[in-house]
Amino acid sequence: MKRMRVNIDDKTLNQRFQGFDKVKNGTIDRKGFDTFIQTLLRKQELFKLFTQYALGYKGIDDEPVMTIQELMNFYREEQKTDITEKEALEIVNWLKKGSVSTFHNFKKIPKLSFYDFGTLIFSNQNLIFNSEHAHVYQVAFFHLFNC
C-alpha cells in the first residue's frame, strides 16, 4: 500500500476488501479487484481537479473521462505548459499500456480515466521532486560565493 501512496491500516483495508467480496469467500474477481484498487487510490482533492477538466464525456458507470483536448487544457492551465495534440496522445498511449481502467472501449478511444490521471500526476515525469534530479553540483555553490 505504501508503494501506491495509500495510507490505510490493515483493519480498514480488510473492511473495504470485504465490501467487494460478493460471494463472501475471501476472494474477488479481476473486475472487482480493479475497482477495489481504484477506490483506494481515489484522493478527493485529485478527483476534484480531474473533474474540473473532464467536462463532457462520461465512461462506463457514469465515471468522467478526460479527452485529449481536456488534457491539453489541464497542462496549459495547471502546469503552465503548452503541449500539442500529438504529445497529449502520446501521454494517453503511454498511460494505457499499464492501465487497469474499467472504462468501456478504453483501448480504442484516446481518453484518460481518473485512475490514469492519478498515475500521470504521480509519475516520475510529472513529480516536482524527481529523484533523478537529486544531484547537487558544487560548481553552482562555488559561483554564488565568488562573484
N, C-alpha and C. Protein backbone atom coordinates (compact mmCIF):
# COMPACT_ATOMS: atom_id res chain seq x y z
N MET A 1 0.82 -1.19 0.00
CA MET A 1 0.00 0.00 0.00
C MET A 1 0.88 1.26 0.00
N LYS A 2 2.00 1.21 0.69
CA LYS A 2 2.87 2.39 0.74
C LYS A 2 3.40 2.74 -0.64
N ARG A 3 3.72 1.73 -1.45
CA ARG A 3 4.21 2.00 -2.81
C ARG A 3 3.15 2.70 -3.65
N MET A 4 1.89 2.43 -3.35
CA MET A 4 0.79 3.04 -4.09
C MET A 4 0.36 4.36 -3.46
N ARG A 5 1.08 4.80 -2.43
CA ARG A 5 0.79 6.04 -1.72
C ARG A 5 -0.59 6.02 -1.07
N VAL A 6 -0.95 4.85 -0.50
CA VAL A 6 -2.22 4.70 0.20
C VAL A 6 -1.91 4.51 1.67
N ASN A 7 -2.38 5.43 2.48
CA ASN A 7 -2.16 5.36 3.92
C ASN A 7 -3.43 4.79 4.55
N ILE A 8 -3.39 3.48 4.85
CA ILE A 8 -4.58 2.79 5.38
C ILE A 8 -4.12 1.68 6.32
N ASP A 9 -4.81 1.52 7.43
CA ASP A 9 -4.46 0.45 8.36
C ASP A 9 -5.08 -0.87 7.89
N ASP A 10 -4.56 -1.98 8.41
CA ASP A 10 -5.00 -3.31 7.97
C ASP A 10 -6.48 -3.56 8.22
N LYS A 11 -6.99 -3.10 9.36
CA LYS A 11 -8.40 -3.32 9.69
C LYS A 11 -9.32 -2.65 8.66
N THR A 12 -9.03 -1.38 8.34
CA THR A 12 -9.83 -0.64 7.35
C THR A 12 -9.70 -1.27 5.97
N LEU A 13 -8.48 -1.68 5.62
CA LEU A 13 -8.25 -2.33 4.33
C LEU A 13 -9.08 -3.60 4.21
N ASN A 14 -9.08 -4.42 5.25
CA ASN A 14 -9.87 -5.66 5.23
C ASN A 14 -11.37 -5.37 5.14
N GLN A 15 -11.84 -4.35 5.84
CA GLN A 15 -13.26 -3.99 5.78
C GLN A 15 -13.64 -3.57 4.36
N ARG A 16 -12.81 -2.76 3.73
CA ARG A 16 -13.10 -2.33 2.36
C ARG A 16 -13.06 -3.50 1.38
N PHE A 17 -12.09 -4.41 1.59
CA PHE A 17 -11.99 -5.59 0.73
C PHE A 17 -13.26 -6.42 0.83
N GLN A 18 -13.74 -6.62 2.04
CA GLN A 18 -14.94 -7.42 2.24
C GLN A 18 -16.15 -6.82 1.53
N GLY A 19 -16.15 -5.51 1.35
CA GLY A 19 -17.23 -4.86 0.62
C GLY A 19 -17.25 -5.26 -0.85
N PHE A 20 -16.12 -5.71 -1.40
CA PHE A 20 -16.04 -6.14 -2.79
C PHE A 20 -16.14 -7.66 -2.93
N ASP A 21 -16.10 -8.37 -1.82
CA ASP A 21 -16.20 -9.83 -1.82
C ASP A 21 -17.68 -10.20 -1.87
N LYS A 22 -18.23 -10.30 -3.08
CA LYS A 22 -19.67 -10.54 -3.27
C LYS A 22 -20.12 -11.90 -2.77
N VAL A 23 -19.28 -12.92 -2.91
CA VAL A 23 -19.64 -14.28 -2.53
C VAL A 23 -19.33 -14.54 -1.05
N LYS A 24 -18.57 -13.63 -0.45
CA LYS A 24 -18.17 -13.74 0.96
C LYS A 24 -17.32 -14.99 1.22
N ASN A 25 -16.37 -15.24 0.29
CA ASN A 25 -15.46 -16.36 0.46
C ASN A 25 -13.99 -15.92 0.53
N GLY A 26 -13.76 -14.61 0.70
CA GLY A 26 -12.39 -14.09 0.82
C GLY A 26 -11.71 -13.84 -0.50
N THR A 27 -12.47 -13.84 -1.61
CA THR A 27 -11.89 -13.59 -2.94
C THR A 27 -12.75 -12.58 -3.70
N ILE A 28 -12.12 -11.95 -4.68
CA ILE A 28 -12.86 -11.07 -5.60
C ILE A 28 -12.35 -11.35 -7.01
N ASP A 29 -13.20 -11.10 -8.00
CA ASP A 29 -12.79 -11.32 -9.38
C ASP A 29 -11.92 -10.16 -9.86
N ARG A 30 -11.42 -10.28 -11.10
CA ARG A 30 -10.49 -9.27 -11.65
C ARG A 30 -11.13 -7.88 -11.71
N LYS A 31 -12.35 -7.80 -12.20
CA LYS A 31 -13.03 -6.51 -12.30
C LYS A 31 -13.24 -5.91 -10.90
N GLY A 32 -13.63 -6.75 -9.95
CA GLY A 32 -13.81 -6.28 -8.58
C GLY A 32 -12.50 -5.80 -7.98
N PHE A 33 -11.41 -6.52 -8.28
CA PHE A 33 -10.09 -6.12 -7.79
C PHE A 33 -9.68 -4.77 -8.37
N ASP A 34 -9.87 -4.61 -9.68
CA ASP A 34 -9.54 -3.34 -10.33
C ASP A 34 -10.32 -2.18 -9.70
N THR A 35 -11.60 -2.39 -9.48
CA THR A 35 -12.44 -1.35 -8.88
C THR A 35 -12.02 -1.09 -7.43
N PHE A 36 -11.68 -2.14 -6.70
CA PHE A 36 -11.21 -2.02 -5.32
C PHE A 36 -9.95 -1.15 -5.26
N ILE A 37 -8.99 -1.44 -6.12
CA ILE A 37 -7.73 -0.66 -6.15
C ILE A 37 -8.03 0.79 -6.51
N GLN A 38 -8.90 1.00 -7.49
CA GLN A 38 -9.22 2.37 -7.89
C GLN A 38 -9.87 3.15 -6.76
N THR A 39 -10.71 2.51 -5.96
CA THR A 39 -11.33 3.23 -4.84
C THR A 39 -10.31 3.57 -3.77
N LEU A 40 -9.31 2.71 -3.59
CA LEU A 40 -8.25 3.01 -2.62
C LEU A 40 -7.40 4.20 -3.08
N LEU A 41 -7.23 4.30 -4.38
CA LEU A 41 -6.38 5.37 -4.93
C LEU A 41 -7.11 6.69 -5.12
N ARG A 42 -8.42 6.70 -4.97
CA ARG A 42 -9.19 7.92 -5.22
C ARG A 42 -8.97 8.94 -4.11
N LYS A 43 -8.20 9.95 -4.43
CA LYS A 43 -7.96 11.04 -3.49
C LYS A 43 -8.91 12.18 -3.89
N GLN A 44 -9.68 12.65 -2.94
CA GLN A 44 -10.74 13.62 -3.23
C GLN A 44 -10.20 14.90 -3.86
N GLU A 45 -9.06 15.40 -3.36
CA GLU A 45 -8.53 16.64 -3.94
C GLU A 45 -8.10 16.43 -5.39
N LEU A 46 -7.60 15.24 -5.71
CA LEU A 46 -7.21 14.94 -7.07
C LEU A 46 -8.44 14.72 -7.95
N PHE A 47 -9.47 14.08 -7.41
CA PHE A 47 -10.71 13.86 -8.16
C PHE A 47 -11.37 15.20 -8.50
N LYS A 48 -11.33 16.14 -7.57
CA LYS A 48 -11.89 17.47 -7.82
C LYS A 48 -11.16 18.16 -8.97
N LEU A 49 -9.83 18.06 -8.98
CA LEU A 49 -9.03 18.65 -10.06
C LEU A 49 -9.34 17.96 -11.39
N PHE A 50 -9.43 16.64 -11.36
CA PHE A 50 -9.72 15.87 -12.57
C PHE A 50 -11.07 16.27 -13.17
N THR A 51 -12.10 16.32 -12.33
CA THR A 51 -13.44 16.62 -12.84
C THR A 51 -13.59 18.08 -13.27
N GLN A 52 -12.68 18.92 -12.82
CA GLN A 52 -12.68 20.31 -13.27
C GLN A 52 -12.35 20.39 -14.77
N TYR A 53 -11.59 19.42 -15.27
CA TYR A 53 -11.19 19.41 -16.68
C TYR A 53 -11.91 18.34 -17.49
N ALA A 54 -12.31 17.23 -16.89
CA ALA A 54 -13.03 16.17 -17.59
C ALA A 54 -14.50 16.54 -17.63
N LEU A 55 -14.87 17.37 -18.57
CA LEU A 55 -16.19 18.00 -18.55
C LEU A 55 -17.30 17.26 -19.29
N GLY A 56 -16.97 16.72 -20.45
CA GLY A 56 -18.05 16.25 -21.30
C GLY A 56 -18.40 14.80 -21.20
N TYR A 57 -17.55 13.95 -21.71
CA TYR A 57 -17.86 12.55 -21.89
C TYR A 57 -17.85 11.80 -20.57
N LYS A 58 -18.79 10.89 -20.41
CA LYS A 58 -18.85 10.00 -19.25
C LYS A 58 -18.59 8.59 -19.74
N GLY A 59 -17.76 7.87 -19.00
CA GLY A 59 -17.46 6.49 -19.35
C GLY A 59 -18.46 5.55 -18.70
N ILE A 60 -18.09 4.28 -18.63
CA ILE A 60 -18.94 3.27 -18.01
C ILE A 60 -19.17 3.64 -16.55
N ASP A 61 -20.30 3.28 -16.02
CA ASP A 61 -20.69 3.61 -14.64
C ASP A 61 -20.75 5.11 -14.42
N ASP A 62 -20.92 5.87 -15.51
CA ASP A 62 -21.04 7.33 -15.45
C ASP A 62 -19.81 8.00 -14.84
N GLU A 63 -18.65 7.35 -14.95
CA GLU A 63 -17.40 7.93 -14.47
C GLU A 63 -16.87 8.90 -15.51
N PRO A 64 -16.39 10.06 -15.08
CA PRO A 64 -15.83 11.02 -16.05
C PRO A 64 -14.53 10.51 -16.64
N VAL A 65 -14.30 10.84 -17.89
CA VAL A 65 -13.03 10.57 -18.55
C VAL A 65 -12.56 11.85 -19.23
N MET A 66 -11.25 12.02 -19.34
CA MET A 66 -10.67 13.24 -19.89
C MET A 66 -10.27 13.03 -21.34
N THR A 67 -10.72 13.93 -22.22
CA THR A 67 -10.37 13.86 -23.64
C THR A 67 -8.97 14.43 -23.84
N ILE A 68 -8.45 14.24 -25.04
CA ILE A 68 -7.14 14.78 -25.41
C ILE A 68 -7.14 16.31 -25.24
N GLN A 69 -8.19 16.96 -25.74
CA GLN A 69 -8.28 18.42 -25.63
C GLN A 69 -8.34 18.86 -24.17
N GLU A 70 -9.07 18.13 -23.34
CA GLU A 70 -9.16 18.47 -21.92
C GLU A 70 -7.82 18.27 -21.21
N LEU A 71 -7.06 17.25 -21.63
CA LEU A 71 -5.72 17.05 -21.08
C LEU A 71 -4.82 18.22 -21.47
N MET A 72 -4.94 18.67 -22.70
CA MET A 72 -4.16 19.84 -23.15
C MET A 72 -4.53 21.07 -22.34
N ASN A 73 -5.82 21.24 -22.06
CA ASN A 73 -6.28 22.38 -21.23
C ASN A 73 -5.71 22.28 -19.82
N PHE A 74 -5.70 21.07 -19.25
CA PHE A 74 -5.14 20.85 -17.92
C PHE A 74 -3.67 21.27 -17.89
N TYR A 75 -2.90 20.82 -18.87
CA TYR A 75 -1.48 21.18 -18.91
C TYR A 75 -1.29 22.68 -19.04
N ARG A 76 -2.09 23.31 -19.89
CA ARG A 76 -1.96 24.75 -20.10
C ARG A 76 -2.31 25.53 -18.83
N GLU A 77 -3.41 25.19 -18.19
CA GLU A 77 -3.89 25.95 -17.03
C GLU A 77 -3.16 25.61 -15.73
N GLU A 78 -2.99 24.33 -15.46
CA GLU A 78 -2.45 23.90 -14.16
C GLU A 78 -0.93 23.73 -14.18
N GLN A 79 -0.39 23.26 -15.29
CA GLN A 79 1.04 23.01 -15.37
C GLN A 79 1.78 24.16 -16.05
N LYS A 80 1.02 25.12 -16.58
CA LYS A 80 1.59 26.26 -17.29
C LYS A 80 2.52 25.82 -18.41
N THR A 81 2.09 24.76 -19.11
CA THR A 81 2.86 24.18 -20.21
C THR A 81 1.91 23.90 -21.36
N ASP A 82 2.28 24.37 -22.54
CA ASP A 82 1.50 24.04 -23.73
C ASP A 82 2.03 22.74 -24.32
N ILE A 83 1.13 21.78 -24.52
CA ILE A 83 1.50 20.55 -25.20
C ILE A 83 0.65 20.44 -26.46
N THR A 84 1.21 19.79 -27.45
CA THR A 84 0.49 19.62 -28.71
C THR A 84 -0.48 18.45 -28.58
N GLU A 85 -1.37 18.34 -29.54
CA GLU A 85 -2.31 17.21 -29.56
C GLU A 85 -1.55 15.90 -29.68
N LYS A 86 -0.48 15.90 -30.47
CA LYS A 86 0.34 14.70 -30.63
C LYS A 86 0.99 14.32 -29.30
N GLU A 87 1.51 15.28 -28.56
CA GLU A 87 2.12 15.00 -27.25
C GLU A 87 1.08 14.47 -26.26
N ALA A 88 -0.11 15.06 -26.27
CA ALA A 88 -1.18 14.60 -25.39
C ALA A 88 -1.57 13.16 -25.72
N LEU A 89 -1.64 12.84 -27.00
CA LEU A 89 -1.96 11.48 -27.43
C LEU A 89 -0.86 10.50 -27.01
N GLU A 90 0.39 10.93 -27.07
CA GLU A 90 1.50 10.08 -26.62
C GLU A 90 1.40 9.81 -25.12
N ILE A 91 1.01 10.81 -24.36
CA ILE A 91 0.83 10.64 -22.91
C ILE A 91 -0.27 9.61 -22.64
N VAL A 92 -1.40 9.76 -23.33
CA VAL A 92 -2.52 8.83 -23.15
C VAL A 92 -2.10 7.41 -23.52
N ASN A 93 -1.42 7.26 -24.65
CA ASN A 93 -1.00 5.92 -25.08
C ASN A 93 0.00 5.31 -24.10
N TRP A 94 0.89 6.13 -23.55
CA TRP A 94 1.85 5.65 -22.54
C TRP A 94 1.10 5.16 -21.30
N LEU A 95 0.08 5.90 -20.89
CA LEU A 95 -0.69 5.51 -19.71
C LEU A 95 -1.53 4.26 -19.96
N LYS A 96 -2.02 4.10 -21.16
CA LYS A 96 -2.87 2.94 -21.49
C LYS A 96 -2.13 1.62 -21.39
N LYS A 97 -0.82 1.64 -21.60
CA LYS A 97 -0.05 0.40 -21.61
C LYS A 97 -0.20 -0.37 -20.31
N GLY A 98 -0.22 0.31 -19.17
CA GLY A 98 -0.32 -0.39 -17.90
C GLY A 98 -1.62 -0.14 -17.17
N SER A 99 -2.61 0.33 -17.86
CA SER A 99 -3.86 0.73 -17.22
C SER A 99 -4.72 -0.44 -16.77
N VAL A 100 -5.40 -0.22 -15.65
CA VAL A 100 -6.42 -1.17 -15.19
C VAL A 100 -7.79 -0.50 -15.25
N SER A 101 -7.92 0.48 -16.11
CA SER A 101 -9.16 1.23 -16.21
C SER A 101 -10.33 0.31 -16.58
N THR A 102 -11.48 0.58 -15.96
CA THR A 102 -12.69 -0.17 -16.31
C THR A 102 -13.50 0.57 -17.37
N PHE A 103 -12.97 1.68 -17.86
CA PHE A 103 -13.66 2.48 -18.88
C PHE A 103 -13.90 1.64 -20.13
N HIS A 104 -15.15 1.58 -20.57
CA HIS A 104 -15.56 0.82 -21.74
C HIS A 104 -14.81 1.30 -22.98
N ASN A 105 -14.31 0.38 -23.78
CA ASN A 105 -13.55 0.68 -25.01
C ASN A 105 -12.33 1.54 -24.74
N PHE A 106 -11.75 1.40 -23.56
CA PHE A 106 -10.62 2.24 -23.17
C PHE A 106 -9.45 2.13 -24.14
N LYS A 107 -9.19 0.94 -24.61
CA LYS A 107 -8.05 0.74 -25.50
C LYS A 107 -8.28 1.37 -26.88
N LYS A 108 -9.53 1.58 -27.26
CA LYS A 108 -9.84 2.10 -28.59
C LYS A 108 -10.00 3.62 -28.62
N ILE A 109 -10.42 4.22 -27.52
CA ILE A 109 -10.74 5.65 -27.51
C ILE A 109 -9.70 6.39 -26.67
N PRO A 110 -9.04 7.41 -27.24
CA PRO A 110 -7.97 8.10 -26.51
C PRO A 110 -8.51 9.05 -25.44
N LYS A 111 -8.83 8.49 -24.29
CA LYS A 111 -9.32 9.28 -23.16
C LYS A 111 -8.68 8.76 -21.88
N LEU A 112 -8.57 9.62 -20.87
CA LEU A 112 -7.98 9.24 -19.59
C LEU A 112 -9.05 9.00 -18.54
N SER A 113 -8.93 7.90 -17.82
CA SER A 113 -9.79 7.67 -16.67
C SER A 113 -9.18 8.41 -15.48
N PHE A 114 -9.91 8.51 -14.41
CA PHE A 114 -9.37 9.13 -13.20
C PHE A 114 -8.15 8.38 -12.70
N TYR A 115 -8.20 7.05 -12.75
CA TYR A 115 -7.07 6.24 -12.31
C TYR A 115 -5.82 6.61 -13.11
N ASP A 116 -5.95 6.73 -14.42
CA ASP A 116 -4.81 7.05 -15.27
C ASP A 116 -4.31 8.48 -15.04
N PHE A 117 -5.23 9.38 -14.74
CA PHE A 117 -4.85 10.75 -14.41
C PHE A 117 -3.98 10.75 -13.15
N GLY A 118 -4.37 9.97 -12.15
CA GLY A 118 -3.58 9.86 -10.93
C GLY A 118 -2.20 9.27 -11.21
N THR A 119 -2.15 8.27 -12.09
CA THR A 119 -0.87 7.69 -12.47
C THR A 119 0.02 8.75 -13.11
N LEU A 120 -0.56 9.58 -13.97
CA LEU A 120 0.20 10.65 -14.61
C LEU A 120 0.69 11.66 -13.58
N ILE A 121 -0.17 12.10 -12.69
CA ILE A 121 0.20 13.12 -11.71
C ILE A 121 1.34 12.64 -10.82
N PHE A 122 1.32 11.37 -10.43
CA PHE A 122 2.34 10.85 -9.53
C PHE A 122 3.49 10.15 -10.25
N SER A 123 3.56 10.27 -11.57
CA SER A 123 4.65 9.64 -12.32
C SER A 123 5.93 10.45 -12.16
N ASN A 124 7.06 9.81 -12.37
CA ASN A 124 8.35 10.49 -12.25
C ASN A 124 8.46 11.66 -13.22
N GLN A 125 7.87 11.56 -14.39
CA GLN A 125 7.98 12.64 -15.36
C GLN A 125 7.19 13.87 -14.92
N ASN A 126 6.32 13.74 -13.94
CA ASN A 126 5.48 14.85 -13.51
C ASN A 126 5.79 15.33 -12.10
N LEU A 127 6.64 14.59 -11.37
CA LEU A 127 6.93 14.96 -9.99
C LEU A 127 7.87 16.15 -9.91
N ILE A 128 7.60 17.03 -8.98
CA ILE A 128 8.49 18.16 -8.74
C ILE A 128 9.81 17.64 -8.16
N PHE A 129 9.73 16.70 -7.24
CA PHE A 129 10.91 16.16 -6.58
C PHE A 129 11.32 14.85 -7.23
N ASN A 130 11.69 14.90 -8.48
CA ASN A 130 12.11 13.73 -9.22
C ASN A 130 13.49 13.29 -8.70
N SER A 131 13.61 12.05 -8.27
CA SER A 131 14.86 11.56 -7.69
C SER A 131 16.02 11.61 -8.68
N GLU A 132 15.72 11.61 -9.97
CA GLU A 132 16.78 11.70 -10.98
C GLU A 132 17.46 13.07 -10.96
N HIS A 133 16.82 14.05 -10.33
CA HIS A 133 17.38 15.41 -10.28
C HIS A 133 17.92 15.73 -8.89
N ALA A 134 18.28 14.71 -8.13
CA ALA A 134 18.71 14.90 -6.75
C ALA A 134 20.17 15.33 -6.62
N HIS A 135 20.94 15.24 -7.67
CA HIS A 135 22.36 15.58 -7.59
C HIS A 135 22.54 17.10 -7.53
N VAL A 136 23.34 17.53 -6.59
CA VAL A 136 23.66 18.95 -6.46
C VAL A 136 25.11 19.11 -6.88
N TYR A 137 25.36 20.03 -7.76
CA TYR A 137 26.71 20.23 -8.25
C TYR A 137 27.34 21.41 -7.53
N GLN A 138 28.58 21.24 -7.08
CA GLN A 138 29.26 22.27 -6.31
C GLN A 138 29.66 23.46 -7.16
N VAL A 139 29.66 23.31 -8.45
CA VAL A 139 30.01 24.42 -9.33
C VAL A 139 29.09 25.61 -9.06
N ALA A 140 27.80 25.37 -8.93
CA ALA A 140 26.85 26.44 -8.66
C ALA A 140 27.14 27.09 -7.31
N PHE A 141 27.48 26.30 -6.31
CA PHE A 141 27.81 26.80 -4.98
C PHE A 141 29.05 27.69 -5.07
N PHE A 142 30.04 27.24 -5.81
CA PHE A 142 31.28 27.99 -5.98
C PHE A 142 31.01 29.36 -6.59
N HIS A 143 30.18 29.42 -7.62
CA HIS A 143 29.89 30.67 -8.30
C HIS A 143 29.10 31.65 -7.42
N LEU A 144 28.28 31.16 -6.52
CA LEU A 144 27.49 32.02 -5.66
C LEU A 144 28.38 32.85 -4.73
N PHE A 145 29.46 32.27 -4.26
CA PHE A 145 30.29 32.95 -3.28
C PHE A 145 31.54 33.58 -3.86
N ASN A 146 31.76 33.44 -5.12
CA ASN A 146 32.95 34.01 -5.76
C ASN A 146 32.58 34.98 -6.87
N CYS A 147 31.54 35.74 -6.64
CA CYS A 147 31.10 36.71 -7.66
C CYS A 147 31.77 38.04 -7.47
